[in-house]
PDB file of N, CA and C in Angstrom:
ATOM      1  N   UNK A   1       0.836  -1.259  -0.007  1.00  0.00           N
ATOM      2  CA  UNK A   1      -0.058  -0.073   0.023  1.00  0.00           C
ATOM      3  C   UNK A   1       0.864   1.245  -0.019  1.00  0.00           C
ATOM      4  N   UNK A   2       0.674   2.081  -0.868  1.00  0.00           N
ATOM      5  CA  UNK A   2       1.486   3.376  -1.017  1.00  0.00           C
ATOM      6  C   UNK A   2       0.679   4.523  -0.403  1.00  0.00           C
ATOM      7  N   UNK A   3       1.478   5.449   0.196  1.00  0.00           N
ATOM      8  CA  UNK A   3       0.957   6.635   0.777  1.00  0.00           C
ATOM      9  C   UNK A   3       1.442   7.807   0.016  1.00  0.00           C
ATOM     10  N   UNK A   4       0.490   8.696  -0.231  1.00  0.00           N
ATOM     11  CA  UNK A   4       0.706   9.953  -0.942  1.00  0.00           C
ATOM     12  C   UNK A   4       0.151  11.150  -0.115  1.00  0.00           C
ATOM     13  N   UNK A   5       0.667  12.260  -0.331  1.00  0.00           N
ATOM     14  CA  UNK A   5       0.208  13.495   0.287  1.00  0.00           C
ATOM     15  C   UNK A   5      -0.316  14.430  -0.750  1.00  0.00           C
ATOM     16  N   UNK A   6      -1.511  14.787  -0.656  1.00  0.00           N
ATOM     17  CA  UNK A   6      -2.137  15.798  -1.557  1.00  0.00           C
ATOM     18  C   UNK A   6      -2.323  17.112  -0.821  1.00  0.00           C
ATOM     19  N   UNK A   7      -1.900  18.218  -1.388  1.00  0.00           N
ATOM     20  CA  UNK A   7      -1.917  19.462  -0.778  1.00  0.00           C
ATOM     21  C   UNK A   7      -1.975  20.516  -1.835  1.00  0.00           C
ATOM     22  N   UNK A   8      -2.295  21.696  -1.348  1.00  0.00           N
ATOM     23  CA  UNK A   8      -2.429  22.935  -2.207  1.00  0.00           C
ATOM     24  C   UNK A   8      -1.368  23.878  -1.708  1.00  0.00           C
ATOM     25  N   UNK A   9      -0.400  24.346  -2.645  1.00  0.00           N
ATOM     26  CA  UNK A   9       0.595  25.235  -2.300  1.00  0.00           C
ATOM     27  C   UNK A   9       0.378  26.501  -3.200  1.00  0.00           C
ATOM     28  N   UNK A  10       0.032  27.606  -2.670  1.00  0.00           N
ATOM     29  CA  UNK A  10      -0.185  28.930  -3.336  1.00  0.00           C
ATOM     30  C   UNK A  10      -1.195  28.698  -4.509  1.00  0.00           C
ATOM     31  N   UNK A  11      -2.238  27.973  -4.267  1.00  0.00           N
ATOM     32  CA  UNK A  11      -3.263  27.796  -5.240  1.00  0.00           C
ATOM     33  C   UNK A  11      -3.068  26.731  -6.251  1.00  0.00           C
ATOM     34  N   UNK A  12      -1.970  25.969  -6.175  1.00  0.00           N
ATOM     35  CA  UNK A  12      -1.754  24.844  -7.091  1.00  0.00           C
ATOM     36  C   UNK A  12      -1.879  23.539  -6.378  1.00  0.00           C
ATOM     37  N   UNK A  13      -2.587  22.629  -6.844  1.00  0.00           N
ATOM     38  CA  UNK A  13      -2.746  21.323  -6.182  1.00  0.00           C
ATOM     39  C   UNK A  13      -1.600  20.439  -6.585  1.00  0.00           C
ATOM     40  N   UNK A  14      -1.022  19.746  -5.627  1.00  0.00           N
ATOM     41  CA  UNK A  14       0.156  18.941  -5.799  1.00  0.00           C
ATOM     42  C   UNK A  14       0.057  17.596  -5.155  1.00  0.00           C
ATOM     43  N   UNK A  15       0.750  16.608  -5.552  1.00  0.00           N
ATOM     44  CA  UNK A  15       0.779  15.299  -4.866  1.00  0.00           C
ATOM     45  C   UNK A  15       2.268  14.806  -4.840  1.00  0.00           C
ATOM     46  N   UNK A  16       2.604  14.299  -3.594  1.00  0.00           N
ATOM     47  CA  UNK A  16       3.989  13.739  -3.486  1.00  0.00           C
ATOM     48  C   UNK A  16       3.896  12.377  -2.748  1.00  0.00           C
ATOM     49  N   UNK A  17       4.888  11.574  -2.960  1.00  0.00           N
ATOM     50  CA  UNK A  17       4.949  10.339  -2.181  1.00  0.00           C
ATOM     51  C   UNK A  17       5.333  10.578  -0.738  1.00  0.00           C
ATOM     52  N   UNK A  18       4.861   9.636   0.115  1.00  0.00           N
ATOM     53  CA  UNK A  18       5.273   9.842   1.545  1.00  0.00           C
ATOM     54  C   UNK A  18       5.693   8.457   2.096  1.00  0.00           C
ATOM     55  N   UNK A  19       6.778   8.542   2.927  1.00  0.00           N
ATOM     56  CA  UNK A  19       7.235   7.325   3.627  1.00  0.00           C
ATOM     57  C   UNK A  19       7.618   7.742   5.003  1.00  0.00           C
ATOM     58  N   UNK A  20       7.161   6.961   5.968  1.00  0.00           N
ATOM     59  CA  UNK A  20       7.463   7.316   7.391  1.00  0.00           C
ATOM     60  C   UNK A  20       8.993   7.265   7.770  1.00  0.00           C
ATOM     61  N   UNK A  21       9.754   6.441   7.035  1.00  0.00           N
ATOM     62  CA  UNK A  21      11.162   6.410   7.276  1.00  0.00           C
ATOM     63  C   UNK A  21      11.934   7.553   6.840  1.00  0.00           C
ATOM     64  N   UNK A  22      11.334   8.344   5.983  1.00  0.00           N
ATOM     65  CA  UNK A  22      12.101   9.528   5.389  1.00  0.00           C
ATOM     66  C   UNK A  22      11.611  10.840   6.049  1.00  0.00           C
ATOM     67  N   UNK A  23      10.363  10.857   6.526  1.00  0.00           N
ATOM     68  CA  UNK A  23       9.836  12.095   7.079  1.00  0.00           C
ATOM     69  C   UNK A  23       9.101  11.845   8.483  1.00  0.00           C
ATOM     70  N   UNK A  24       9.188  12.879   9.250  1.00  0.00           N
ATOM     71  CA  UNK A  24       8.658  12.798  10.570  1.00  0.00           C
ATOM     72  C   UNK A  24       7.126  12.815  10.527  1.00  0.00           C
ATOM     73  N   UNK A  25       6.634  13.665   9.676  1.00  0.00           N
ATOM     74  CA  UNK A  25       5.088  13.807   9.553  1.00  0.00           C
ATOM     75  C   UNK A  25       4.882  14.399   8.123  1.00  0.00           C
ATOM     76  N   UNK A  26       3.564  14.539   7.816  1.00  0.00           N
ATOM     77  CA  UNK A  26       3.223  15.057   6.484  1.00  0.00           C
ATOM     78  C   UNK A  26       3.577  16.516   6.335  1.00  0.00           C
ATOM     79  N   UNK A  27       3.622  17.248   7.373  1.00  0.00           N
ATOM     80  CA  UNK A  27       3.975  18.732   7.290  1.00  0.00           C
ATOM     81  C   UNK A  27       5.492  18.831   6.902  1.00  0.00           C
ATOM     82  N   UNK A  28       6.317  18.074   7.517  1.00  0.00           N
ATOM     83  CA  UNK A  28       7.769  18.162   7.177  1.00  0.00           C
ATOM     84  C   UNK A  28       8.028  17.636   5.785  1.00  0.00           C
ATOM     85  N   UNK A  29       7.295  16.711   5.299  1.00  0.00           N
ATOM     86  CA  UNK A  29       7.447  16.172   3.960  1.00  0.00           C
ATOM     87  C   UNK A  29       7.058  17.264   2.909  1.00  0.00           C
ATOM     88  N   UNK A  30       5.964  17.927   3.169  1.00  0.00           N
ATOM     89  CA  UNK A  30       5.550  18.991   2.282  1.00  0.00           C
ATOM     90  C   UNK A  30       6.514  20.148   2.277  1.00  0.00           C
ATOM     91  N   UNK A  31       6.924  20.522   3.399  1.00  0.00           N
ATOM     92  CA  UNK A  31       7.879  21.657   3.536  1.00  0.00           C
ATOM     93  C   UNK A  31       9.308  21.266   2.842  1.00  0.00           C
ATOM     94  N   UNK A  32       9.748  20.076   3.066  1.00  0.00           N
ATOM     95  CA  UNK A  32      10.899  19.679   2.336  1.00  0.00           C
ATOM     96  C   UNK A  32      10.783  19.758   0.823  1.00  0.00           C
ATOM     97  N   UNK A  33       9.683  19.263   0.360  1.00  0.00           N
ATOM     98  CA  UNK A  33       9.358  19.270  -1.103  1.00  0.00           C
ATOM     99  C   UNK A  33       9.335  20.669  -1.685  1.00  0.00           C
ATOM    100  N   UNK A  34       8.819  21.549  -0.881  1.00  0.00           N
ATOM    101  CA  UNK A  34       8.670  23.053  -1.358  1.00  0.00           C
ATOM    102  C   UNK A  34       9.871  23.926  -0.937  1.00  0.00           C
ATOM    103  N   UNK A  35      10.827  23.341  -0.256  1.00  0.00           N
ATOM    104  CA  UNK A  35      11.984  24.092   0.140  1.00  0.00           C
ATOM    105  C   UNK A  35      11.759  25.044   1.269  1.00  0.00           C
ATOM    106  N   UNK A  36      10.816  24.862   2.134  1.00  0.00           N
ATOM    107  CA  UNK A  36      10.535  25.684   3.210  1.00  0.00           C
ATOM    108  C   UNK A  36      11.245  25.272   4.492  1.00  0.00           C
ATOM    109  N   UNK A  37      11.719  26.288   5.287  1.00  0.00           N
ATOM    110  CA  UNK A  37      12.432  25.933   6.501  1.00  0.00           C
ATOM    111  C   UNK A  37      11.488  25.891   7.665  1.00  0.00           C
ATOM    112  N   UNK A  38      11.606  24.761   8.433  1.00  0.00           N
ATOM    113  CA  UNK A  38      10.675  24.551   9.529  1.00  0.00           C
ATOM    114  C   UNK A  38      11.229  24.883  10.893  1.00  0.00           C
ATOM    115  N   UNK A  39      12.492  25.351  11.074  1.00  0.00           N
ATOM    116  CA  UNK A  39      13.022  25.570  12.229  1.00  0.00           C
ATOM    117  C   UNK A  39      12.356  26.516  13.184  1.00  0.00           C
ATOM    118  N   UNK A  40      11.873  27.667  12.611  1.00  0.00           N
ATOM    119  CA  UNK A  40      11.148  28.643  13.427  1.00  0.00           C
ATOM    120  C   UNK A  40       9.831  27.981  13.941  1.00  0.00           C
ATOM    121  N   UNK A  41       9.076  27.290  13.036  1.00  0.00           N
ATOM    122  CA  UNK A  41       7.869  26.628  13.390  1.00  0.00           C
ATOM    123  C   UNK A  41       8.114  25.600  14.503  1.00  0.00           C
ATOM    124  N   UNK A  42       9.185  24.761  14.407  1.00  0.00           N
ATOM    125  CA  UNK A  42       9.408  23.769  15.419  1.00  0.00           C
ATOM    126  C   UNK A  42       9.753  24.374  16.835  1.00  0.00           C
ATOM    127  N   UNK A  43      10.531  25.488  16.771  1.00  0.00           N
ATOM    128  CA  UNK A  43      10.883  26.174  18.060  1.00  0.00           C
ATOM    129  C   UNK A  43       9.588  26.758  18.702  1.00  0.00           C
ATOM    130  N   UNK A  44       8.776  27.388  17.905  1.00  0.00           N
ATOM    131  CA  UNK A  44       7.435  27.961  18.378  1.00  0.00           C
ATOM    132  C   UNK A  44       6.514  26.888  18.845  1.00  0.00           C
ATOM    133  N   UNK A  45       6.452  25.796  18.205  1.00  0.00           N
ATOM    134  CA  UNK A  45       5.544  24.744  18.612  1.00  0.00           C
ATOM    135  C   UNK A  45       6.056  24.120  19.861  1.00  0.00           C
ATOM    136  N   UNK A  46       7.298  23.966  20.109  1.00  0.00           N
ATOM    137  CA  UNK A  46       7.830  23.392  21.324  1.00  0.00           C
ATOM    138  C   UNK A  46       7.495  24.326  22.551  1.00  0.00           C
ATOM    139  N   UNK A  47       7.596  25.668  22.306  1.00  0.00           N
ATOM    140  CA  UNK A  47       7.311  26.607  23.332  1.00  0.00           C
ATOM    141  C   UNK A  47       5.824  26.557  23.690  1.00  0.00           C
ATOM    142  N   UNK A  48       5.005  26.430  22.661  1.00  0.00           N
ATOM    143  CA  UNK A  48       3.544  26.355  22.940  1.00  0.00           C
ATOM    144  C   UNK A  48       3.227  25.004  23.724  1.00  0.00           C
ATOM    145  N   UNK A  49       3.821  23.861  23.323  1.00  0.00           N
ATOM    146  CA  UNK A  49       3.584  22.690  23.991  1.00  0.00           C
ATOM    147  C   UNK A  49       3.965  22.693  25.441  1.00  0.00           C
ATOM    148  N   UNK A  50       5.058  23.464  25.778  1.00  0.00           N
ATOM    149  CA  UNK A  50       5.492  23.613  27.143  1.00  0.00           C
ATOM    150  C   UNK A  50       4.498  24.541  27.948  1.00  0.00           C
ATOM    151  N   UNK A  51       3.893  25.480  27.240  1.00  0.00           N
ATOM    152  CA  UNK A  51       3.058  26.386  27.971  1.00  0.00           C
ATOM    153  C   UNK A  51       1.583  25.949  28.109  1.00  0.00           C
ATOM    154  N   UNK A  52       1.090  25.050  27.304  1.00  0.00           N
ATOM    155  CA  UNK A  52      -0.302  24.633  27.372  1.00  0.00           C
ATOM    156  C   UNK A  52      -0.406  23.119  27.052  1.00  0.00           C
ATOM    157  N   UNK A  53      -1.480  22.592  27.512  1.00  0.00           N
ATOM    158  CA  UNK A  53      -1.818  21.241  27.220  1.00  0.00           C
ATOM    159  C   UNK A  53      -3.005  21.180  26.302  1.00  0.00           C
ATOM    160  N   UNK A  54      -3.569  22.293  25.910  1.00  0.00           N
ATOM    161  CA  UNK A  54      -4.597  22.327  25.013  1.00  0.00           C
ATOM    162  C   UNK A  54      -4.331  22.002  23.586  1.00  0.00           C
ATOM    163  N   UNK A  55      -4.791  20.815  23.198  1.00  0.00           N
ATOM    164  CA  UNK A  55      -4.449  20.266  21.914  1.00  0.00           C
ATOM    165  C   UNK A  55      -5.031  21.086  20.816  1.00  0.00           C
ATOM    166  N   UNK A  56      -6.195  21.672  21.078  1.00  0.00           N
ATOM    167  CA  UNK A  56      -6.876  22.499  20.049  1.00  0.00           C
ATOM    168  C   UNK A  56      -6.042  23.782  19.745  1.00  0.00           C
ATOM    169  N   UNK A  57      -5.513  24.410  20.786  1.00  0.00           N
ATOM    170  CA  UNK A  57      -4.644  25.527  20.576  1.00  0.00           C
ATOM    171  C   UNK A  57      -3.337  25.179  19.730  1.00  0.00           C
ATOM    172  N   UNK A  58      -2.813  24.086  20.015  1.00  0.00           N
ATOM    173  CA  UNK A  58      -1.637  23.558  19.289  1.00  0.00           C
ATOM    174  C   UNK A  58      -2.054  23.365  17.756  1.00  0.00           C
ATOM    175  N   UNK A  59      -3.129  22.687  17.633  1.00  0.00           N
ATOM    176  CA  UNK A  59      -3.624  22.430  16.187  1.00  0.00           C
ATOM    177  C   UNK A  59      -3.903  23.699  15.470  1.00  0.00           C
ATOM    178  N   UNK A  60      -4.515  24.597  16.147  1.00  0.00           N
ATOM    179  CA  UNK A  60      -4.876  25.879  15.512  1.00  0.00           C
ATOM    180  C   UNK A  60      -3.602  26.677  15.128  1.00  0.00           C
ATOM    181  N   UNK A  61      -2.616  26.680  15.991  1.00  0.00           N
ATOM    182  CA  UNK A  61      -1.382  27.319  15.740  1.00  0.00           C
ATOM    183  C   UNK A  61      -0.722  26.667  14.441  1.00  0.00           C
ATOM    184  N   UNK A  62      -0.714  25.323  14.441  1.00  0.00           N
ATOM    185  CA  UNK A  62      -0.170  24.646  13.270  1.00  0.00           C
ATOM    186  C   UNK A  62      -0.884  25.000  12.011  1.00  0.00           C
ATOM    187  N   UNK A  63      -2.172  24.930  12.020  1.00  0.00           N
ATOM    188  CA  UNK A  63      -2.997  25.119  10.887  1.00  0.00           C
ATOM    189  C   UNK A  63      -2.831  26.564  10.332  1.00  0.00           C
ATOM    190  N   UNK A  64      -2.768  27.574  11.207  1.00  0.00           N
ATOM    191  CA  UNK A  64      -2.570  28.980  10.869  1.00  0.00           C
ATOM    192  C   UNK A  64      -1.138  29.224  10.322  1.00  0.00           C
ATOM    193  N   UNK A  65      -0.157  28.605  10.916  1.00  0.00           N
ATOM    194  CA  UNK A  65       1.255  28.739  10.543  1.00  0.00           C
ATOM    195  C   UNK A  65       1.404  28.292   9.057  1.00  0.00           C
ATOM    196  N   UNK A  66       0.967  27.143   8.777  1.00  0.00           N
ATOM    197  CA  UNK A  66       1.040  26.540   7.416  1.00  0.00           C
ATOM    198  C   UNK A  66       0.156  27.266   6.387  1.00  0.00           C
ATOM    199  N   UNK A  67      -0.984  27.816   6.825  1.00  0.00           N
ATOM    200  CA  UNK A  67      -1.842  28.579   6.007  1.00  0.00           C
ATOM    201  C   UNK A  67      -1.085  29.884   5.556  1.00  0.00           C
ATOM    202  N   UNK A  68      -0.370  30.504   6.539  1.00  0.00           N
ATOM    203  CA  UNK A  68       0.369  31.700   6.192  1.00  0.00           C
ATOM    204  C   UNK A  68       1.525  31.417   5.227  1.00  0.00           C
ATOM    205  N   UNK A  69       2.075  30.173   5.293  1.00  0.00           N
ATOM    206  CA  UNK A  69       3.085  29.792   4.339  1.00  0.00           C
ATOM    207  C   UNK A  69       2.549  29.477   2.895  1.00  0.00           C
ATOM    208  N   UNK A  70       1.230  29.423   2.803  1.00  0.00           N
ATOM    209  CA  UNK A  70       0.577  29.135   1.524  1.00  0.00           C
ATOM    210  C   UNK A  70       0.188  27.660   1.339  1.00  0.00           C
ATOM    211  N   UNK A  71       0.275  26.847   2.386  1.00  0.00           N
ATOM    212  CA  UNK A  71      -0.089  25.522   2.352  1.00  0.00           C
ATOM    213  C   UNK A  71      -1.452  25.232   2.859  1.00  0.00           C
ATOM    214  N   UNK A  72      -2.252  24.587   2.149  1.00  0.00           N
ATOM    215  CA  UNK A  72      -3.626  24.280   2.518  1.00  0.00           C
ATOM    216  C   UNK A  72      -4.058  22.931   2.089  1.00  0.00           C
ATOM    217  N   UNK A  73      -5.054  22.363   2.687  1.00  0.00           N
ATOM    218  CA  UNK A  73      -5.666  21.094   2.237  1.00  0.00           C
ATOM    219  C   UNK A  73      -4.616  19.940   2.216  1.00  0.00           C
ATOM    220  N   UNK A  74      -3.840  19.851   3.285  1.00  0.00           N
ATOM    221  CA  UNK A  74      -2.819  18.807   3.379  1.00  0.00           C
ATOM    222  C   UNK A  74      -3.505  17.582   3.953  1.00  0.00           C
ATOM    223  N   UNK A  75      -3.413  16.403   3.201  1.00  0.00           N
ATOM    224  CA  UNK A  75      -3.911  15.202   3.654  1.00  0.00           C
ATOM    225  C   UNK A  75      -3.196  13.977   3.143  1.00  0.00           C
ATOM    226  N   UNK A  76      -3.130  12.938   3.890  1.00  0.00           N
ATOM    227  CA  UNK A  76      -2.439  11.731   3.495  1.00  0.00           C
ATOM    228  C   UNK A  76      -3.491  10.827   2.797  1.00  0.00           C
ATOM    229  N   UNK A  77      -3.105  10.187   1.717  1.00  0.00           N
ATOM    230  CA  UNK A  77      -4.015   9.387   0.954  1.00  0.00           C
ATOM    231  C   UNK A  77      -3.357   8.001   0.760  1.00  0.00           C
ATOM    232  N   UNK A  78      -4.124   6.923   0.961  1.00  0.00           N
ATOM    233  CA  UNK A  78      -3.577   5.632   0.660  1.00  0.00           C
ATOM    234  C   UNK A  78      -4.110   5.096  -0.703  1.00  0.00           C
ATOM    235  N   UNK A  79      -3.137   4.570  -1.434  1.00  0.00           N
ATOM    236  CA  UNK A  79      -3.508   4.064  -2.756  1.00  0.00           C
ATOM    237  C   UNK A  79      -2.998   2.640  -2.831  1.00  0.00           C
ATOM    238  N   UNK A  80      -3.853   1.702  -3.206  1.00  0.00           N
ATOM    239  CA  UNK A  80      -3.450   0.288  -3.348  1.00  0.00           C
ATOM    240  C   UNK A  80      -3.132  -0.144  -4.757  1.00  0.00           C
TER     241      UNK A  80
END
């Protein structure tokens, strides 16, 4: 079974392959494909996780951060 990531980057729909052994999660895979640096995001996410246990706040931060980068509709798809 193959995994793919479908996403929209600055208005263009794209699909890439995904493997757990090469990427930590779907967001890091997409950012690597598009050449985006995640260091600032990872630092801010770590600070947020240390300051709150509210998973909704962390998810909202993540969604808004990637939306500001131009990434939307990120989803993993299984194809057999």
